Amino acid sequence: MSDAPRITVEVLRKRMESGEEFMFLDVRNPEAWAESEAMVPNAIRVPLDGLEQELPRIPKDRNIVTYCT
């Protein structure tokens, strides 16, 4: 996973403002979800260890941004 490209919030914001669409995946574990109500609007919650089973739910027509804590 360390080879995955990283993006800063500032760069992401600029790309979104220019019209680029992204899908956000919240890959925190269920315990972290329970401890925080913070979530990017319209993000899909997918625990990292369940990502493979959830692949059909993930759109293939836009860039994917994953986030966790």
C-alpha atoms as a PDB file:
ATOM      1  CA  MET A   1       0.000   0.000   0.000  1.00  0.00           C
ATOM      2  CA  SER A   2       2.961   2.310   0.434  1.00  0.00           C
ATOM      3  CA  ASP A   3       3.271   2.592  -3.365  1.00  0.00           C
ATOM      4  CA  ALA A   4      -0.184   4.152  -3.662  1.00  0.00           C
ATOM      5  CA  PRO A   5      -0.051   7.742  -4.900  1.00  0.00           C
ATOM      6  CA  ARG A   6      -0.761  10.341  -2.224  1.00  0.00           C
ATOM      7  CA  ILE A   7      -2.551  13.647  -2.606  1.00  0.00           C
ATOM      8  CA  THR A   8      -2.727  16.618  -0.277  1.00  0.00           C
ATOM      9  CA  VAL A   9      -5.995  18.225   0.718  1.00  0.00           C
ATOM     10  CA  GLU A  10      -4.977  21.395  -1.107  1.00  0.00           C
ATOM     11  CA  VAL A  11      -4.253  19.593  -4.388  1.00  0.00           C
ATOM     12  CA  LEU A  12      -7.448  17.558  -4.070  1.00  0.00           C
ATOM     13  CA  ARG A  13      -9.485  20.714  -3.459  1.00  0.00           C
ATOM     14  CA  LYS A  14      -8.023  22.393  -6.562  1.00  0.00           C
ATOM     15  CA  ARG A  15      -8.720  19.368  -8.714  1.00  0.00           C
ATOM     16  CA  MET A  16     -12.302  19.187  -7.439  1.00  0.00           C
ATOM     17  CA  GLU A  17     -12.780  22.918  -8.065  1.00  0.00           C
ATOM     18  CA  SER A  18     -11.643  22.383 -11.650  1.00  0.00           C
ATOM     19  CA  GLY A  19     -14.457  19.851 -12.097  1.00  0.00           C
ATOM     20  CA  GLU A  20     -12.664  16.561 -11.585  1.00  0.00           C
ATOM     21  CA  GLU A  21     -14.852  13.956  -9.898  1.00  0.00           C
ATOM     22  CA  PHE A  22     -13.673  11.669  -7.141  1.00  0.00           C
ATOM     23  CA  MET A  23     -15.167   8.814  -5.159  1.00  0.00           C
ATOM     24  CA  PHE A  24     -14.168   8.763  -1.504  1.00  0.00           C
ATOM     25  CA  LEU A  25     -13.715   5.506   0.383  1.00  0.00           C
ATOM     26  CA  ASP A  26     -13.651   5.633   4.154  1.00  0.00           C
ATOM     27  CA  VAL A  27     -11.487   2.616   4.975  1.00  0.00           C
ATOM     28  CA  ARG A  28     -11.419   3.105   8.729  1.00  0.00           C
ATOM     29  CA  ASN A  29     -12.364   0.083  10.792  1.00  0.00           C
ATOM     30  CA  PRO A  30     -15.870  -0.132  12.303  1.00  0.00           C
ATOM     31  CA  GLU A  31     -14.551   0.851  15.736  1.00  0.00           C
ATOM     32  CA  ALA A  32     -13.154   4.094  14.312  1.00  0.00           C
ATOM     33  CA  TRP A  33     -16.489   4.758  12.568  1.00  0.00           C
ATOM     34  CA  ALA A  34     -18.280   4.318  15.891  1.00  0.00           C
ATOM     35  CA  GLU A  35     -15.932   6.759  17.629  1.00  0.00           C
ATOM     36  CA  SER A  36     -16.346   9.523  15.045  1.00  0.00           C
ATOM     37  CA  GLU A  37     -19.267  10.969  13.137  1.00  0.00           C
ATOM     38  CA  ALA A  38     -16.866  12.712  10.736  1.00  0.00           C
ATOM     39  CA  MET A  39     -17.244  11.504   7.183  1.00  0.00           C
ATOM     40  CA  VAL A  40     -16.716  12.972   3.741  1.00  0.00           C
ATOM     41  CA  PRO A  41     -20.182  13.494   2.190  1.00  0.00           C
ATOM     42  CA  ASN A  42     -21.209  10.644  -0.136  1.00  0.00           C
ATOM     43  CA  ALA A  43     -18.197   8.534   0.842  1.00  0.00           C
ATOM     44  CA  ILE A  44     -18.567   4.774   0.824  1.00  0.00           C
ATOM     45  CA  ARG A  45     -17.606   3.096   4.063  1.00  0.00           C
ATOM     46  CA  VAL A  46     -15.539   0.007   3.327  1.00  0.00           C
ATOM     47  CA  PRO A  47     -13.319  -1.563   5.975  1.00  0.00           C
ATOM     48  CA  LEU A  48      -9.910  -2.144   4.427  1.00  0.00           C
ATOM     49  CA  ASP A  49     -10.009  -5.862   5.168  1.00  0.00           C
ATOM     50  CA  GLY A  50     -13.334  -6.089   3.278  1.00  0.00           C
ATOM     51  CA  LEU A  51     -12.312  -4.051   0.252  1.00  0.00           C
ATOM     52  CA  GLU A  52     -12.203  -6.955  -2.191  1.00  0.00           C
ATOM     53  CA  GLN A  53     -15.822  -7.965  -1.441  1.00  0.00           C
ATOM     54  CA  GLU A  54     -16.973  -4.363  -1.912  1.00  0.00           C
ATOM     55  CA  LEU A  55     -15.313  -3.766  -5.294  1.00  0.00           C
ATOM     56  CA  PRO A  56     -18.639  -3.998  -7.190  1.00  0.00           C
ATOM     57  CA  ARG A  57     -19.913  -0.959  -5.221  1.00  0.00           C
ATOM     58  CA  ILE A  58     -16.958   1.203  -6.232  1.00  0.00           C
ATOM     59  CA  PRO A  59     -17.427   3.256  -9.415  1.00  0.00           C
ATOM     60  CA  LYS A  60     -14.844   2.760 -12.100  1.00  0.00           C
ATOM     61  CA  ASP A  61     -15.474   6.040 -13.904  1.00  0.00           C
ATOM     62  CA  ARG A  62     -13.614   8.358 -11.519  1.00  0.00           C
ATOM     63  CA  ASN A  63     -10.526   8.566  -9.359  1.00  0.00           C
ATOM     64  CA  ILE A  64     -10.733   6.970  -5.935  1.00  0.00           C
ATOM     65  CA  VAL A  65      -9.519   8.689  -2.772  1.00  0.00           C
ATOM     66  CA  THR A  66      -9.229   6.516   0.328  1.00  0.00           C
ATOM     67  CA  TYR A  67      -8.924   7.936   3.794  1.00  0.00           C
ATOM     68  CA  CYS A  68      -8.477   6.631   7.307  1.00  0.00           C
ATOM     69  CA  THR A  69      -7.190   7.770  10.666  1.00  0.00           C
END
